Amino acid sequence: MSLLEELETYRREGAPAFARFEAKFIAPEVIERDDVPERFAKLAKIISGQIIPQLALLHSEGIAQNLPAAVGPTDAEIQELAHIVVGPDIDAAAAYVSVLRDKGLAMETLFIQLLAPCARHLGEMWDRDEIGFIEVTLGVGRLQSLLSIFNCTFDIPALDQKRKIVMSMTPGDQHFFGGSVVEKFLRASGWFVEHIFEATVEHLAATVSRDWFAVAGFTLGSEGRLDTLKETIQAVRSSSSNADIGIIVGGPMFNDRPELAAYVGADETAINAPAAVLVAQKLFDLAALKALGKRSAI
C-alpha cells in the first residue's frame, strides 16, 4: 500500500477534524481575514516553485552523506507533505503526518528534514521581500499545527493559554537583534509574549518565578556577554515555576556558531523569526510530552 493509499484509509477510518484547532496557531486578526484562501493559494505556489526544490536538495545531500535510509522520509514523501502542508485541507495534512508517525518517523527527523527548513526558507523569502507577512504567518501556523498534531499535544486543556513566552536581550547587552520581529511573528502565531527590555538577571528570575512560561528567549549581540547569558539561563531555569521551561537563544553569533547555544545552556537556537516560532512550538511539545509521561507514570 502506498503512502497516499494509507492516508486515504486513515481518513476513512475516522481521523479527527482539525480545522478549528488550527486557529489556535494563527492570531484571529490573521486567520479571520477574508483573503486567507487566496493567501494560502499564493503560498502553495511559492512552496511548490521554490521551497520544495530546496527541501529535495537538502534531502539528497543527506543521502550523499551516507545517512541510513531509516533516518527520514523519502524524496517523494518530502515533496508530497510539503505540498499538503499549505493546501486548503488541514485534515489531509494532519492525516499525512500521522501516517508518517505511525510508520515510525521520529519527531526530530520530521522537524529537521521538513518543518524547520520550510520555516527557515519562508523567513528568508520574507527577508528578501518575495513573500508577505500574512503568507509567512499562515505557513508557520500550519507548520506549528502539524508539529502539535504529530506530537499529540493538540488536545491539551487550555492549550492556547499555555503557549506563553518571555523574551529579553542578555542583561547588559546593548543590541536586541531581531527581537521585535520575532515578537511580531510569535504574536501572529498565537503566542502570548512578555517582552522585557533592559532586564536584570534578578528581574528575569523573579518574572519566571511569579508567572508560568513555556519558553524563554534571549538575544545576544556581544561575545563578551556569553558568560552573562549562561548565568542568566541558569538563574531562569532554577527559578522558573515551569521546571521544564524551554530556552531559545538568537543573534548573529549563534547563526555563525550554533554550538554556542549548548555552551550557554540553551535548548535551541533559530536562524530567523519564523524558525524561532517553530522552535518554540517544538520546545512546548517536548515539555508537554514529558509532563504527560510523568503523569502516566504516577
C-alpha atoms as a PDB file:
ATOM      1  CA  MET A   1       0.000   0.000   0.000  1.00  0.00           C
ATOM      2  CA  SER A   2       1.390   3.405  -0.989  1.00  0.00           C
ATOM      3  CA  LEU A   3       1.631   6.261   1.487  1.00  0.00           C
ATOM      4  CA  LEU A   4      -1.219   8.100  -0.233  1.00  0.00           C
ATOM      5  CA  GLU A   5      -3.386   4.969  -0.058  1.00  0.00           C
ATOM      6  CA  GLU A   6      -2.585   4.695   3.638  1.00  0.00           C
ATOM      7  CA  LEU A   7      -3.573   8.345   4.002  1.00  0.00           C
ATOM      8  CA  GLU A   8      -6.968   7.727   2.422  1.00  0.00           C
ATOM      9  CA  THR A   9      -7.502   4.671   4.635  1.00  0.00           C
ATOM     10  CA  TYR A  10      -6.577   6.729   7.696  1.00  0.00           C
ATOM     11  CA  ARG A  11      -9.088   9.417   6.789  1.00  0.00           C
ATOM     12  CA  ARG A  12     -11.880   6.929   6.011  1.00  0.00           C
ATOM     13  CA  GLU A  13     -11.376   5.292   9.404  1.00  0.00           C
ATOM     14  CA  GLY A  14     -12.322   8.500  11.178  1.00  0.00           C
ATOM     15  CA  ALA A  15      -9.292  10.755  11.539  1.00  0.00           C
ATOM     16  CA  PRO A  16     -10.249  13.774  13.698  1.00  0.00           C
ATOM     17  CA  ALA A  17     -11.064  17.148  12.161  1.00  0.00           C
ATOM     18  CA  PHE A  18      -8.502  19.839  12.887  1.00  0.00           C
ATOM     19  CA  ALA A  19      -9.827  22.900  11.063  1.00  0.00           C
ATOM     20  CA  ARG A  20     -10.930  24.715  14.224  1.00  0.00           C
ATOM     21  CA  PHE A  21      -7.809  23.606  16.054  1.00  0.00           C
ATOM     22  CA  GLU A  22      -5.557  25.353  13.528  1.00  0.00           C
ATOM     23  CA  ALA A  23      -6.901  28.733  14.661  1.00  0.00           C
ATOM     24  CA  LYS A  24      -5.007  28.278  17.934  1.00  0.00           C
ATOM     25  CA  PHE A  25      -1.753  28.712  15.993  1.00  0.00           C
ATOM     26  CA  ILE A  26      -2.733  31.772  13.983  1.00  0.00           C
ATOM     27  CA  ALA A  27      -3.917  35.016  15.587  1.00  0.00           C
ATOM     28  CA  PRO A  28      -7.568  35.975  14.925  1.00  0.00           C
ATOM     29  CA  GLU A  29      -6.606  39.123  13.030  1.00  0.00           C
ATOM     30  CA  VAL A  30      -4.811  36.902  10.515  1.00  0.00           C
ATOM     31  CA  ILE A  31      -6.922  33.733  10.267  1.00  0.00           C
ATOM     32  CA  GLU A  32     -10.197  35.689  10.065  1.00  0.00           C
ATOM     33  CA  ARG A  33      -9.113  37.747   7.052  1.00  0.00           C
ATOM     34  CA  ASP A  34     -11.385  37.425   4.018  1.00  0.00           C
ATOM     35  CA  ASP A  35      -8.413  36.803   1.724  1.00  0.00           C
ATOM     36  CA  VAL A  36      -6.970  33.812   3.627  1.00  0.00           C
ATOM     37  CA  PRO A  37      -7.891  31.277   0.866  1.00  0.00           C
ATOM     38  CA  GLU A  38      -6.167  33.432  -1.747  1.00  0.00           C
ATOM     39  CA  ARG A  39      -3.150  33.880   0.522  1.00  0.00           C
ATOM     40  CA  PHE A  40      -2.896  30.112   1.056  1.00  0.00           C
ATOM     41  CA  ALA A  41      -3.102  29.594  -2.714  1.00  0.00           C
ATOM     42  CA  LYS A  42      -0.262  32.059  -3.232  1.00  0.00           C
ATOM     43  CA  LEU A  43       1.749  30.338  -0.517  1.00  0.00           C
ATOM     44  CA  ALA A  44       1.181  26.928  -2.157  1.00  0.00           C
ATOM     45  CA  LYS A  45       2.655  28.213  -5.416  1.00  0.00           C
ATOM     46  CA  ILE A  46       5.689  29.534  -3.564  1.00  0.00           C
ATOM     47  CA  ILE A  47       6.163  26.242  -1.723  1.00  0.00           C
ATOM     48  CA  SER A  48       5.900  24.293  -4.976  1.00  0.00           C
ATOM     49  CA  GLY A  49       8.158  26.509  -7.022  1.00  0.00           C
ATOM     50  CA  GLN A  50      10.887  27.486  -4.580  1.00  0.00           C
ATOM     51  CA  ILE A  51      10.841  25.701  -1.238  1.00  0.00           C
ATOM     52  CA  ILE A  52      10.227  22.097  -2.309  1.00  0.00           C
ATOM     53  CA  PRO A  53      13.278  22.085  -4.613  1.00  0.00           C
ATOM     54  CA  GLN A  54      15.373  23.323  -1.685  1.00  0.00           C
ATOM     55  CA  LEU A  55      13.997  20.588   0.580  1.00  0.00           C
ATOM     56  CA  ALA A  56      14.705  17.960  -2.063  1.00  0.00           C
ATOM     57  CA  LEU A  57      18.278  19.244  -2.355  1.00  0.00           C
ATOM     58  CA  LEU A  58      18.763  19.074   1.408  1.00  0.00           C
ATOM     59  CA  HIS A  59      17.435  15.524   1.436  1.00  0.00           C
ATOM     60  CA  SER A  60      19.648  14.397  -1.454  1.00  0.00           C
ATOM     61  CA  GLU A  61      22.678  15.900   0.290  1.00  0.00           C
ATOM     62  CA  GLY A  62      21.788  13.888   3.387  1.00  0.00           C
ATOM     63  CA  ILE A  63      21.701  10.719   1.301  1.00  0.00           C
ATOM     64  CA  ALA A  64      25.011  11.676  -0.283  1.00  0.00           C
ATOM     65  CA  GLN A  65      26.489  11.791   3.202  1.00  0.00           C
ATOM     66  CA  ASN A  66      25.565   8.110   3.601  1.00  0.00           C
ATOM     67  CA  LEU A  67      22.840   8.622   6.181  1.00  0.00           C
ATOM     68  CA  PRO A  68      20.861   5.424   6.774  1.00  0.00           C
ATOM     69  CA  ALA A  69      17.613   5.105   4.835  1.00  0.00           C
ATOM     70  CA  ALA A  70      15.591   4.919   8.056  1.00  0.00           C
ATOM     71  CA  VAL A  71      16.724   8.397   9.084  1.00  0.00           C
ATOM     72  CA  GLY A  72      13.891  10.183   7.356  1.00  0.00           C
ATOM     73  CA  PRO A  73      11.148  10.312   4.751  1.00  0.00           C
ATOM     74  CA  THR A  74      11.794   9.592   1.088  1.00  0.00           C
ATOM     75  CA  ASP A  75      12.138  12.329  -1.533  1.00  0.00           C
ATOM     76  CA  ALA A  76       8.579  11.620  -2.678  1.00  0.00           C
ATOM     77  CA  GLU A  77       7.232  11.859   0.887  1.00  0.00           C
ATOM     78  CA  ILE A  78       9.022  15.180   1.445  1.00  0.00           C
ATOM     79  CA  GLN A  79       7.525  16.652  -1.719  1.00  0.00           C
ATOM     80  CA  GLU A  80       4.053  15.257  -1.031  1.00  0.00           C
ATOM     81  CA  LEU A  81       3.991  16.575   2.514  1.00  0.00           C
ATOM     82  CA  ALA A  82       5.372  19.971   1.511  1.00  0.00           C
ATOM     83  CA  HIS A  83       2.502  20.326  -0.970  1.00  0.00           C
ATOM     84  CA  ILE A  84      -0.100  19.163   1.537  1.00  0.00           C
ATOM     85  CA  VAL A  85       1.246  21.429   4.294  1.00  0.00           C
ATOM     86  CA  VAL A  86      -0.052  24.538   2.556  1.00  0.00           C
ATOM     87  CA  GLY A  87      -3.110  23.030   0.932  1.00  0.00           C
ATOM     88  CA  PRO A  88      -6.656  24.062   1.836  1.00  0.00           C
ATOM     89  CA  ASP A  89      -7.317  20.833   3.763  1.00  0.00           C
ATOM     90  CA  ILE A  90      -5.702  20.830   7.218  1.00  0.00           C
ATOM     91  CA  ASP A  91      -7.256  17.418   7.876  1.00  0.00           C
ATOM     92  CA  ALA A  92      -5.364  15.956   4.928  1.00  0.00           C
ATOM     93  CA  ALA A  93      -2.108  17.423   6.220  1.00  0.00           C
ATOM     94  CA  ALA A  94      -2.836  16.173   9.737  1.00  0.00           C
ATOM     95  CA  ALA A  95      -3.609  12.683   8.485  1.00  0.00           C
ATOM     96  CA  TYR A  96      -0.432  12.677   6.418  1.00  0.00           C
ATOM     97  CA  VAL A  97       1.899  13.455   9.321  1.00  0.00           C
ATOM     98  CA  SER A  98       0.002  10.935  11.440  1.00  0.00           C
ATOM     99  CA  VAL A  99       0.651   8.259   8.816  1.00  0.00           C
ATOM    100  CA  LEU A 100       4.340   9.145   8.806  1.00  0.00           C
ATOM    101  CA  ARG A 101       4.398   8.953  12.608  1.00  0.00           C
ATOM    102  CA  ASP A 102       2.690   5.566  12.588  1.00  0.00           C
ATOM    103  CA  LYS A 103       5.266   4.344  10.066  1.00  0.00           C
ATOM    104  CA  GLY A 104       7.935   5.061  12.686  1.00  0.00           C
ATOM    105  CA  LEU A 105       9.164   8.505  11.671  1.00  0.00           C
ATOM    106  CA  ALA A 106      10.739  10.293  14.656  1.00  0.00           C
ATOM    107  CA  MET A 107       9.591  13.803  15.562  1.00  0.00           C
ATOM    108  CA  GLU A 108      13.162  15.123  15.399  1.00  0.00           C
ATOM    109  CA  THR A 109      13.531  13.753  11.866  1.00  0.00           C
ATOM    110  CA  LEU A 110      10.304  15.388  10.703  1.00  0.00           C
ATOM    111  CA  PHE A 111      11.398  18.632  12.341  1.00  0.00           C
ATOM    112  CA  ILE A 112      14.945  18.703  10.946  1.00  0.00           C
ATOM    113  CA  GLN A 113      14.230  17.423   7.437  1.00  0.00           C
ATOM    114  CA  LEU A 114      10.966  19.141   6.646  1.00  0.00           C
ATOM    115  CA  LEU A 115       9.319  21.537   9.089  1.00  0.00           C
ATOM    116  CA  ALA A 116      12.343  23.572  10.231  1.00  0.00           C
ATOM    117  CA  PRO A 117      13.809  24.033   6.725  1.00  0.00           C
ATOM    118  CA  CYS A 118      10.392  25.072   5.447  1.00  0.00           C
ATOM    119  CA  ALA A 119      10.058  27.713   8.198  1.00  0.00           C
ATOM    120  CA  ARG A 120      13.605  28.916   7.583  1.00  0.00           C
ATOM    121  CA  HIS A 121      13.023  29.267   3.826  1.00  0.00           C
ATOM    122  CA  LEU A 122       9.800  31.210   4.430  1.00  0.00           C
ATOM    123  CA  GLY A 123      11.740  33.593   6.665  1.00  0.00           C
ATOM    124  CA  GLU A 124      14.494  34.057   4.104  1.00  0.00           C
ATOM    125  CA  MET A 125      11.952  34.822   1.393  1.00  0.00           C
ATOM    126  CA  TRP A 126      10.284  37.357   3.673  1.00  0.00           C
ATOM    127  CA  ASP A 127      13.663  38.982   4.308  1.00  0.00           C
ATOM    128  CA  ARG A 128      14.074  39.373   0.528  1.00  0.00           C
ATOM    129  CA  ASP A 129      10.528  40.820   0.164  1.00  0.00           C
ATOM    130  CA  GLU A 130       9.496  37.863  -2.008  1.00  0.00           C
ATOM    131  CA  ILE A 131       6.590  36.975   0.255  1.00  0.00           C
ATOM    132  CA  GLY A 132       4.327  38.901   2.627  1.00  0.00           C
ATOM    133  CA  PHE A 133       3.951  38.748   6.388  1.00  0.00           C
ATOM    134  CA  ILE A 134       0.468  37.182   6.132  1.00  0.00           C
ATOM    135  CA  GLU A 135       1.661  34.340   3.893  1.00  0.00           C
ATOM    136  CA  VAL A 136       4.568  33.577   6.221  1.00  0.00           C
ATOM    137  CA  THR A 137       2.271  33.643   9.253  1.00  0.00           C
ATOM    138  CA  LEU A 138      -0.187  31.243   7.602  1.00  0.00           C
ATOM    139  CA  GLY A 139       2.634  28.902   6.638  1.00  0.00           C
ATOM    140  CA  VAL A 140       4.252  28.929  10.075  1.00  0.00           C
ATOM    141  CA  GLY A 141       0.849  28.487  11.713  1.00  0.00           C
ATOM    142  CA  ARG A 142       0.271  25.372   9.631  1.00  0.00           C
ATOM    143  CA  LEU A 143       3.746  24.037  10.495  1.00  0.00           C
ATOM    144  CA  GLN A 144       3.084  24.559  14.214  1.00  0.00           C
ATOM    145  CA  SER A 145      -0.270  22.827  13.875  1.00  0.00           C
ATOM    146  CA  LEU A 146       1.266  19.797  12.210  1.00  0.00           C
ATOM    147  CA  LEU A 147       4.035  19.565  14.782  1.00  0.00           C
ATOM    148  CA  SER A 148       1.454  19.619  17.565  1.00  0.00           C
ATOM    149  CA  ILE A 149      -0.666  17.008  15.791  1.00  0.00           C
ATOM    150  CA  PHE A 150       2.350  14.772  15.227  1.00  0.00           C
ATOM    151  CA  ASN A 151       3.199  15.002  18.931  1.00  0.00           C
ATOM    152  CA  CYS A 152      -0.447  14.587  20.023  1.00  0.00           C
ATOM    153  CA  THR A 153      -0.320  17.778  22.103  1.00  0.00           C
ATOM    154  CA  PHE A 154      -3.183  19.450  20.235  1.00  0.00           C
ATOM    155  CA  ASP A 155      -5.813  18.376  22.768  1.00  0.00           C
ATOM    156  CA  ILE A 156      -4.027  19.632  25.892  1.00  0.00           C
ATOM    157  CA  PRO A 157      -6.566  21.513  28.064  1.00  0.00           C
ATOM    158  CA  ALA A 158      -6.279  25.305  27.718  1.00  0.00           C
ATOM    159  CA  LEU A 159      -3.577  24.894  25.049  1.00  0.00           C
ATOM    160  CA  ASP A 160      -3.805  28.486  23.868  1.00  0.00           C
ATOM    161  CA  GLN A 161      -3.343  29.800  27.419  1.00  0.00           C
ATOM    162  CA  LYS A 162      -0.155  27.792  27.956  1.00  0.00           C
ATOM    163  CA  ARG A 163       1.698  28.977  24.863  1.00  0.00           C
ATOM    164  CA  LYS A 164       3.483  31.773  26.735  1.00  0.00           C
ATOM    165  CA  ILE A 165       6.998  33.041  26.137  1.00  0.00           C
ATOM    166  CA  VAL A 166       9.127  35.650  27.888  1.00  0.00           C
ATOM    167  CA  MET A 167      11.721  37.484  25.772  1.00  0.00           C
ATOM    168  CA  SER A 168      14.711  39.619  26.674  1.00  0.00           C
ATOM    169  CA  MET A 169      18.109  40.610  25.456  1.00  0.00           C
ATOM    170  CA  THR A 170      21.026  39.436  27.578  1.00  0.00           C
ATOM    171  CA  PRO A 171      21.406  41.669  30.665  1.00  0.00           C
ATOM    172  CA  GLY A 172      23.952  44.377  29.968  1.00  0.00           C
ATOM    173  CA  ASP A 173      23.828  43.863  26.201  1.00  0.00           C
ATOM    174  CA  GLN A 174      23.157  46.876  24.005  1.00  0.00           C
ATOM    175  CA  HIS A 175      21.788  45.174  20.897  1.00  0.00           C
ATOM    176  CA  PHE A 176      18.451  43.427  20.513  1.00  0.00           C
ATOM    177  CA  PHE A 177      18.967  41.660  17.199  1.00  0.00           C
ATOM    178  CA  GLY A 178      15.646  40.905  15.522  1.00  0.00           C
ATOM    179  CA  GLY A 179      13.758  40.719  18.812  1.00  0.00           C
ATOM    180  CA  SER A 180      10.862  42.885  17.710  1.00  0.00           C
ATOM    181  CA  VAL A 181      10.453  40.865  14.519  1.00  0.00           C
ATOM    182  CA  VAL A 182      10.437  37.579  16.455  1.00  0.00           C
ATOM    183  CA  GLU A 183       7.854  39.032  18.835  1.00  0.00           C
ATOM    184  CA  LYS A 184       5.675  40.103  15.906  1.00  0.00           C
ATOM    185  CA  PHE A 185       5.689  36.612  14.401  1.00  0.00           C
ATOM    186  CA  LEU A 186       5.112  34.935  17.768  1.00  0.00           C
ATOM    187  CA  ARG A 187       2.053  37.076  18.476  1.00  0.00           C
ATOM    188  CA  ALA A 188       0.721  36.489  14.962  1.00  0.00           C
ATOM    189  CA  SER A 189       1.182  32.766  15.565  1.00  0.00           C
ATOM    190  CA  GLY A 190      -0.989  32.745  18.664  1.00  0.00           C
ATOM    191  CA  TRP A 191       1.670  33.053  21.365  1.00  0.00           C
ATOM    192  CA  PHE A 192       1.358  35.276  24.430  1.00  0.00           C
ATOM    193  CA  VAL A 193       4.592  37.276  24.621  1.00  0.00           C
ATOM    194  CA  GLU A 194       6.011  39.170  27.573  1.00  0.00           C
ATOM    195  CA  HIS A 195       8.857  41.295  26.279  1.00  0.00           C
ATOM    196  CA  ILE A 196      11.230  42.657  28.939  1.00  0.00           C
ATOM    197  CA  PHE A 197      13.622  45.392  27.894  1.00  0.00           C
ATOM    198  CA  GLU A 198      16.853  46.142  29.777  1.00  0.00           C
ATOM    199  CA  ALA A 199      16.161  43.349  32.250  1.00  0.00           C
ATOM    200  CA  THR A 200      18.498  42.275  35.015  1.00  0.00           C
ATOM    201  CA  VAL A 201      19.152  38.655  35.943  1.00  0.00           C
ATOM    202  CA  GLU A 202      17.183  39.204  39.138  1.00  0.00           C
ATOM    203  CA  HIS A 203      14.218  40.692  37.257  1.00  0.00           C
ATOM    204  CA  LEU A 204      14.086  37.777  34.826  1.00  0.00           C
ATOM    205  CA  ALA A 205      14.363  35.204  37.613  1.00  0.00           C
ATOM    206  CA  ALA A 206      11.541  36.904  39.525  1.00  0.00           C
ATOM    207  CA  THR A 207       9.362  37.056  36.390  1.00  0.00           C
ATOM    208  CA  VAL A 208       9.576  33.336  35.597  1.00  0.00           C
ATOM    209  CA  SER A 209       9.108  32.510  39.274  1.00  0.00           C
ATOM    210  CA  ARG A 210       5.934  34.616  39.514  1.00  0.00           C
ATOM    211  CA  ASP A 211       4.350  33.631  36.185  1.00  0.00           C
ATOM    212  CA  TRP A 212       4.348  30.334  34.266  1.00  0.00           C
ATOM    213  CA  PHE A 213       6.059  30.422  30.860  1.00  0.00           C
ATOM    214  CA  ALA A 214       6.537  27.583  28.399  1.00  0.00           C
ATOM    215  CA  VAL A 215       9.604  29.165  26.796  1.00  0.00           C
ATOM    216  CA  ALA A 216      12.158  31.908  27.449  1.00  0.00           C
ATOM    217  CA  GLY A 217      14.013  33.543  24.560  1.00  0.00           C
ATOM    218  CA  PHE A 218      17.207  35.597  24.704  1.00  0.00           C
ATOM    219  CA  THR A 219      19.242  37.537  22.163  1.00  0.00           C
ATOM    220  CA  LEU A 220      22.944  38.229  22.338  1.00  0.00           C
ATOM    221  CA  GLY A 221      24.985  40.735  20.362  1.00  0.00           C
ATOM    222  CA  SER A 222      28.390  40.552  22.036  1.00  0.00           C
ATOM    223  CA  GLU A 223      30.587  37.514  22.610  1.00  0.00           C
ATOM    224  CA  GLY A 224      31.839  39.251  25.712  1.00  0.00           C
ATOM    225  CA  ARG A 225      28.426  38.615  27.295  1.00  0.00           C
ATOM    226  CA  LEU A 226      28.362  34.850  26.716  1.00  0.00           C
ATOM    227  CA  ASP A 227      29.024  34.038  30.359  1.00  0.00           C
ATOM    228  CA  THR A 228      26.399  36.583  31.447  1.00  0.00           C
ATOM    229  CA  LEU A 229      23.863  34.830  29.238  1.00  0.00           C
ATOM    230  CA  LYS A 230      24.945  31.477  30.665  1.00  0.00           C
ATOM    231  CA  GLU A 231      24.401  32.745  34.205  1.00  0.00           C
ATOM    232  CA  THR A 232      21.048  34.250  33.204  1.00  0.00           C
ATOM    233  CA  ILE A 233      19.805  30.967  31.758  1.00  0.00           C
ATOM    234  CA  GLN A 234      20.916  29.102  34.868  1.00  0.00           C
ATOM    235  CA  ALA A 235      19.027  31.592  37.046  1.00  0.00           C
ATOM    236  CA  VAL A 236      15.900  31.332  34.894  1.00  0.00           C
ATOM    237  CA  ARG A 237      15.905  27.538  34.975  1.00  0.00           C
ATOM    238  CA  SER A 238      16.429  27.379  38.729  1.00  0.00           C
ATOM    239  CA  SER A 239      13.757  29.998  39.462  1.00  0.00           C
ATOM    240  CA  SER A 240      11.119  29.063  36.894  1.00  0.00           C
ATOM    241  CA  SER A 241       7.710  27.902  38.057  1.00  0.00           C
ATOM    242  CA  ASN A 242       7.834  25.659  34.985  1.00  0.00           C
ATOM    243  CA  ALA A 243      10.539  23.090  35.737  1.00  0.00           C
ATOM    244  CA  ASP A 244      10.699  22.164  32.044  1.00  0.00           C
ATOM    245  CA  ILE A 245      10.909  25.675  30.598  1.00  0.00           C
ATOM    246  CA  GLY A 246      12.438  25.702  27.123  1.00  0.00           C
ATOM    247  CA  ILE A 247      15.246  28.135  26.291  1.00  0.00           C
ATOM    248  CA  ILE A 248      15.892  29.654  22.851  1.00  0.00           C
ATOM    249  CA  VAL A 249      18.800  31.951  22.023  1.00  0.00           C
ATOM    250  CA  GLY A 250      19.324  34.031  18.916  1.00  0.00           C
ATOM    251  CA  GLY A 251      21.555  36.568  17.240  1.00  0.00           C
ATOM    252  CA  PRO A 252      24.212  36.638  14.508  1.00  0.00           C
ATOM    253  CA  MET A 253      26.739  34.967  16.777  1.00  0.00           C
ATOM    254  CA  PHE A 254      24.572  31.862  17.167  1.00  0.00           C
ATOM    255  CA  ASN A 255      23.847  31.783  13.443  1.00  0.00           C
ATOM    256  CA  ASP A 256      27.586  31.659  12.769  1.00  0.00           C
ATOM    257  CA  ARG A 257      28.398  29.340  15.682  1.00  0.00           C
ATOM    258  CA  PRO A 258      25.290  27.363  16.681  1.00  0.00           C
ATOM    259  CA  GLU A 259      27.348  25.236  19.080  1.00  0.00           C
ATOM    260  CA  LEU A 260      27.437  28.244  21.422  1.00  0.00           C
ATOM    261  CA  ALA A 261      23.765  27.611  22.236  1.00  0.00           C
ATOM    262  CA  ALA A 262      24.772  24.477  24.140  1.00  0.00           C
ATOM    263  CA  TYR A 263      27.606  26.346  25.845  1.00  0.00           C
ATOM    264  CA  VAL A 264      25.238  28.906  27.379  1.00  0.00           C
ATOM    265  CA  GLY A 265      22.780  26.194  28.392  1.00  0.00           C
ATOM    266  CA  ALA A 266      20.054  26.831  25.826  1.00  0.00           C
ATOM    267  CA  ASP A 267      17.936  24.105  24.264  1.00  0.00           C
ATOM    268  CA  GLU A 268      17.818  25.553  20.765  1.00  0.00           C
ATOM    269  CA  THR A 269      18.781  28.444  18.533  1.00  0.00           C
ATOM    270  CA  ALA A 270      16.930  29.731  15.459  1.00  0.00           C
ATOM    271  CA  ILE A 271      18.289  31.439  12.375  1.00  0.00           C
ATOM    272  CA  ASN A 272      15.291  33.748  11.799  1.00  0.00           C
ATOM    273  CA  ALA A 273      11.900  34.716  13.216  1.00  0.00           C
ATOM    274  CA  PRO A 274       9.668  32.082  11.534  1.00  0.00           C
ATOM    275  CA  ALA A 275      12.145  29.383  12.538  1.00  0.00           C
ATOM    276  CA  ALA A 276      12.093  30.716  16.110  1.00  0.00           C
ATOM    277  CA  VAL A 277       8.292  30.352  16.248  1.00  0.00           C
ATOM    278  CA  LEU A 278       8.502  26.722  15.173  1.00  0.00           C
ATOM    279  CA  VAL A 279      11.333  26.016  17.619  1.00  0.00           C
ATOM    280  CA  ALA A 280       9.208  27.477  20.420  1.00  0.00           C
ATOM    281  CA  GLN A 281       6.386  25.095  19.498  1.00  0.00           C
ATOM    282  CA  LYS A 282       8.816  22.180  19.454  1.00  0.00           C
ATOM    283  CA  LEU A 283      10.042  23.014  22.964  1.00  0.00           C
ATOM    284  CA  PHE A 284       6.456  23.412  24.153  1.00  0.00           C
ATOM    285  CA  ASP A 285       5.581  19.982  22.760  1.00  0.00           C
ATOM    286  CA  LEU A 286       8.626  18.298  24.284  1.00  0.00           C
ATOM    287  CA  ALA A 287       7.821  19.696  27.725  1.00  0.00           C
ATOM    288  CA  ALA A 288       4.151  18.737  27.351  1.00  0.00           C
ATOM    289  CA  LEU A 289       5.072  15.181  26.372  1.00  0.00           C
ATOM    290  CA  LYS A 290       7.431  14.966  29.318  1.00  0.00           C
ATOM    291  CA  ALA A 291       4.695  16.168  31.674  1.00  0.00           C
ATOM    292  CA  LEU A 292       2.223  13.662  30.235  1.00  0.00           C
ATOM    293  CA  GLY A 293       4.797  10.924  30.737  1.00  0.00           C
ATOM    294  CA  LYS A 294       5.256  11.923  34.362  1.00  0.00           C
ATOM    295  CA  ARG A 295       1.508  11.840  34.989  1.00  0.00           C
ATOM    296  CA  SER A 296       1.078   8.472  33.275  1.00  0.00           C
ATOM    297  CA  ALA A 297       3.843   7.015  35.448  1.00  0.00           C
ATOM    298  CA  ILE A 298       2.106   8.008  38.679  1.00  0.00           C
END
